[in-house]
């Protein structure tokens, strides 16, 4: 089965959405988990790896682009938590902008690493994910 670039991109976003939704659920349950927090922080890398691995071309670029949805979802989660009356570290519009910039910075690094890893794994694996000369 061939995977399109769009499907690969939305698969990566699915990984991010799942991580943020899981974290939101844990926040609502008032349950802290170091494992879940680590998964949340590493989700841009995992999303980039998935997207890059599945992409038929421009693998590293597609992986690197996962930083943007990660930053947008971080702001969205922060805003939703604040909207429902819970305390957040960075409230308001300025807090949202700060969250976006900080998340974009760390997610960019992780997404490039994940994109490179996905590219290398797909080349090793062969099949329909590898580029043929």
C-alpha atoms as a PDB file:
ATOM      1  CA  UNK A   1       0.000   0.000   0.000  1.00  0.00           C
ATOM      2  CA  UNK A   2       1.416   3.340  -1.011  1.00  0.00           C
ATOM      3  CA  UNK A   3       1.186   6.180   1.447  1.00  0.00           C
ATOM      4  CA  UNK A   4       0.605   9.692   0.222  1.00  0.00           C
ATOM      5  CA  UNK A   5       2.367  12.709   1.653  1.00  0.00           C
ATOM      6  CA  UNK A   6      -0.945  13.990   3.012  1.00  0.00           C
ATOM      7  CA  UNK A   7      -1.663  10.714   4.787  1.00  0.00           C
ATOM      8  CA  UNK A   8       1.863  10.680   6.239  1.00  0.00           C
ATOM      9  CA  UNK A   9       1.449  14.278   7.451  1.00  0.00           C
ATOM     10  CA  UNK A  10      -1.881  13.574   9.141  1.00  0.00           C
ATOM     11  CA  UNK A  11      -0.499  10.377  10.680  1.00  0.00           C
ATOM     12  CA  UNK A  12       2.132  12.520  12.402  1.00  0.00           C
ATOM     13  CA  UNK A  13      -0.506  14.989  13.533  1.00  0.00           C
ATOM     14  CA  UNK A  14      -2.503  12.022  14.872  1.00  0.00           C
ATOM     15  CA  UNK A  15       0.427  11.043  17.083  1.00  0.00           C
ATOM     16  CA  UNK A  16       0.637  14.618  18.391  1.00  0.00           C
ATOM     17  CA  UNK A  17      -3.113  14.853  18.957  1.00  0.00           C
ATOM     18  CA  UNK A  18      -3.107  11.545  20.833  1.00  0.00           C
ATOM     19  CA  UNK A  19      -0.268  12.694  23.091  1.00  0.00           C
ATOM     20  CA  UNK A  20      -1.935  16.021  23.883  1.00  0.00           C
ATOM     21  CA  UNK A  21      -5.364  14.420  24.383  1.00  0.00           C
ATOM     22  CA  UNK A  22      -3.852  11.843  26.741  1.00  0.00           C
ATOM     23  CA  UNK A  23      -2.119  14.605  28.707  1.00  0.00           C
ATOM     24  CA  UNK A  24      -5.357  16.610  28.895  1.00  0.00           C
ATOM     25  CA  UNK A  25      -7.183  13.535  30.191  1.00  0.00           C
ATOM     26  CA  UNK A  26      -4.546  13.056  32.884  1.00  0.00           C
ATOM     27  CA  UNK A  27      -4.867  16.733  33.845  1.00  0.00           C
ATOM     28  CA  UNK A  28      -8.625  16.332  34.228  1.00  0.00           C
ATOM     29  CA  UNK A  29      -8.102  13.245  36.396  1.00  0.00           C
ATOM     30  CA  UNK A  30      -5.521  15.212  38.433  1.00  0.00           C
ATOM     31  CA  UNK A  31      -3.071  12.399  37.834  1.00  0.00           C
ATOM     32  CA  UNK A  32       0.618  13.085  37.203  1.00  0.00           C
ATOM     33  CA  UNK A  33       2.734  10.571  35.377  1.00  0.00           C
ATOM     34  CA  UNK A  34       6.389  11.088  34.551  1.00  0.00           C
ATOM     35  CA  UNK A  35       6.060   8.568  31.716  1.00  0.00           C
ATOM     36  CA  UNK A  36       3.104  10.462  30.220  1.00  0.00           C
ATOM     37  CA  UNK A  37       4.922  13.774  30.551  1.00  0.00           C
ATOM     38  CA  UNK A  38       7.972  12.307  28.814  1.00  0.00           C
ATOM     39  CA  UNK A  39       5.734  10.966  26.034  1.00  0.00           C
ATOM     40  CA  UNK A  40       4.209  14.432  25.649  1.00  0.00           C
ATOM     41  CA  UNK A  41       7.614  16.103  25.440  1.00  0.00           C
ATOM     42  CA  UNK A  42       8.915  13.519  22.958  1.00  0.00           C
ATOM     43  CA  UNK A  43       5.742  13.454  20.852  1.00  0.00           C
ATOM     44  CA  UNK A  44       7.163  15.840  18.192  1.00  0.00           C
ATOM     45  CA  UNK A  45      10.068  13.437  17.650  1.00  0.00           C
ATOM     46  CA  UNK A  46       7.733  10.415  17.447  1.00  0.00           C
ATOM     47  CA  UNK A  47       5.299  12.253  15.147  1.00  0.00           C
ATOM     48  CA  UNK A  48       8.146  13.334  12.866  1.00  0.00           C
ATOM     49  CA  UNK A  49       9.522   9.798  12.764  1.00  0.00           C
ATOM     50  CA  UNK A  50       6.106   8.395  11.799  1.00  0.00           C
ATOM     51  CA  UNK A  51       5.431  11.072   9.181  1.00  0.00           C
ATOM     52  CA  UNK A  52       8.907  10.805   7.703  1.00  0.00           C
ATOM     53  CA  UNK A  53       8.856   7.024   7.632  1.00  0.00           C
ATOM     54  CA  UNK A  54       5.500   6.935   5.838  1.00  0.00           C
ATOM     55  CA  UNK A  55       6.152   9.788   3.398  1.00  0.00           C
ATOM     56  CA  UNK A  56       6.973   8.807  -0.172  1.00  0.00           C
ATOM     57  CA  UNK A  57       9.259  11.829  -0.680  1.00  0.00           C
ATOM     58  CA  UNK A  58      10.622  14.898   1.122  1.00  0.00           C
ATOM     59  CA  UNK A  59      10.787  12.817   4.262  1.00  0.00           C
ATOM     60  CA  UNK A  60      12.993  15.002   6.446  1.00  0.00           C
ATOM     61  CA  UNK A  61      11.096  18.165   5.491  1.00  0.00           C
ATOM     62  CA  UNK A  62       7.769  16.545   6.323  1.00  0.00           C
ATOM     63  CA  UNK A  63       9.180  15.364   9.647  1.00  0.00           C
ATOM     64  CA  UNK A  64      10.528  18.822  10.450  1.00  0.00           C
ATOM     65  CA  UNK A  65       7.119  20.350   9.748  1.00  0.00           C
ATOM     66  CA  UNK A  66       5.678  18.440  12.733  1.00  0.00           C
ATOM     67  CA  UNK A  67       7.063  21.225  14.948  1.00  0.00           C
ATOM     68  CA  UNK A  68       4.290  23.587  13.836  1.00  0.00           C
ATOM     69  CA  UNK A  69       1.299  21.400  14.739  1.00  0.00           C
ATOM     70  CA  UNK A  70       3.057  20.545  18.027  1.00  0.00           C
ATOM     71  CA  UNK A  71       3.316  24.245  18.893  1.00  0.00           C
ATOM     72  CA  UNK A  72      -0.263  24.954  17.818  1.00  0.00           C
ATOM     73  CA  UNK A  73      -1.594  22.028  19.854  1.00  0.00           C
ATOM     74  CA  UNK A  74       0.414  23.179  22.893  1.00  0.00           C
ATOM     75  CA  UNK A  75      -1.198  26.619  22.711  1.00  0.00           C
ATOM     76  CA  UNK A  76      -4.615  25.072  22.163  1.00  0.00           C
ATOM     77  CA  UNK A  77      -4.220  22.761  25.170  1.00  0.00           C
ATOM     78  CA  UNK A  78      -2.963  25.626  27.337  1.00  0.00           C
ATOM     79  CA  UNK A  79      -5.909  27.790  26.272  1.00  0.00           C
ATOM     80  CA  UNK A  80      -8.504  25.079  26.862  1.00  0.00           C
ATOM     81  CA  UNK A  81      -7.133  24.307  30.324  1.00  0.00           C
ATOM     82  CA  UNK A  82      -7.179  28.019  31.182  1.00  0.00           C
ATOM     83  CA  UNK A  83     -10.666  28.451  29.699  1.00  0.00           C
ATOM     84  CA  UNK A  84     -12.018  25.790  32.050  1.00  0.00           C
ATOM     85  CA  UNK A  85     -10.669  27.667  35.064  1.00  0.00           C
ATOM     86  CA  UNK A  86      -7.523  25.724  35.802  1.00  0.00           C
ATOM     87  CA  UNK A  87      -4.277  27.504  36.554  1.00  0.00           C
ATOM     88  CA  UNK A  88      -1.667  27.492  33.799  1.00  0.00           C
ATOM     89  CA  UNK A  89       1.927  28.636  33.903  1.00  0.00           C
ATOM     90  CA  UNK A  90       1.598  31.012  30.955  1.00  0.00           C
ATOM     91  CA  UNK A  91      -1.897  32.564  30.889  1.00  0.00           C
ATOM     92  CA  UNK A  92      -3.503  34.867  28.346  1.00  0.00           C
ATOM     93  CA  UNK A  93      -2.482  35.930  24.882  1.00  0.00           C
ATOM     94  CA  UNK A  94       1.117  36.645  25.878  1.00  0.00           C
ATOM     95  CA  UNK A  95       1.289  33.272  27.551  1.00  0.00           C
ATOM     96  CA  UNK A  96      -0.057  31.641  24.402  1.00  0.00           C
ATOM     97  CA  UNK A  97       2.557  33.385  22.290  1.00  0.00           C
ATOM     98  CA  UNK A  98       5.301  32.397  24.722  1.00  0.00           C
ATOM     99  CA  UNK A  99       4.053  28.803  24.738  1.00  0.00           C
ATOM    100  CA  UNK A 100       4.029  28.787  20.937  1.00  0.00           C
ATOM    101  CA  UNK A 101       7.584  30.133  20.632  1.00  0.00           C
ATOM    102  CA  UNK A 102       9.057  27.847  23.297  1.00  0.00           C
ATOM    103  CA  UNK A 103       7.284  24.774  21.973  1.00  0.00           C
ATOM    104  CA  UNK A 104       8.240  25.593  18.398  1.00  0.00           C
ATOM    105  CA  UNK A 105      11.896  25.931  19.436  1.00  0.00           C
ATOM    106  CA  UNK A 106      12.224  22.581  21.198  1.00  0.00           C
ATOM    107  CA  UNK A 107       9.832  20.789  18.824  1.00  0.00           C
ATOM    108  CA  UNK A 108      11.867  21.966  15.821  1.00  0.00           C
ATOM    109  CA  UNK A 109      14.975  20.254  17.122  1.00  0.00           C
ATOM    110  CA  UNK A 110      13.100  17.066  18.004  1.00  0.00           C
ATOM    111  CA  UNK A 111      11.189  17.058  14.717  1.00  0.00           C
ATOM    112  CA  UNK A 112      14.348  17.316  12.629  1.00  0.00           C
ATOM    113  CA  UNK A 113      15.876  14.442  14.593  1.00  0.00           C
ATOM    114  CA  UNK A 114      12.695  12.380  14.173  1.00  0.00           C
ATOM    115  CA  UNK A 115      12.522  13.255  10.472  1.00  0.00           C
ATOM    116  CA  UNK A 116      16.093  12.110   9.934  1.00  0.00           C
ATOM    117  CA  UNK A 117      15.462   8.911  11.902  1.00  0.00           C
ATOM    118  CA  UNK A 118      12.318   8.147   9.908  1.00  0.00           C
ATOM    119  CA  UNK A 119      14.172   8.766   6.659  1.00  0.00           C
ATOM    120  CA  UNK A 120      17.027   6.471   7.658  1.00  0.00           C
ATOM    121  CA  UNK A 121      14.674   3.750   8.905  1.00  0.00           C
ATOM    122  CA  UNK A 122      12.633   3.815   5.707  1.00  0.00           C
ATOM    123  CA  UNK A 123      15.787   3.484   3.592  1.00  0.00           C
ATOM    124  CA  UNK A 124      16.989   0.534   5.675  1.00  0.00           C
ATOM    125  CA  UNK A 125      13.624  -1.159   5.558  1.00  0.00           C
ATOM    126  CA  UNK A 126      13.186  -0.915   1.805  1.00  0.00           C
ATOM    127  CA  UNK A 127       9.772  -1.615   0.342  1.00  0.00           C
ATOM    128  CA  UNK A 128       7.521   1.178  -0.818  1.00  0.00           C
ATOM    129  CA  UNK A 129       9.005   3.649   1.652  1.00  0.00           C
ATOM    130  CA  UNK A 130      12.515   3.672   0.209  1.00  0.00           C
ATOM    131  CA  UNK A 131      13.535   5.891  -2.632  1.00  0.00           C
ATOM    132  CA  UNK A 132      14.876   3.972  -5.609  1.00  0.00           C
ATOM    133  CA  UNK A 133      17.533   5.529  -7.813  1.00  0.00           C
END
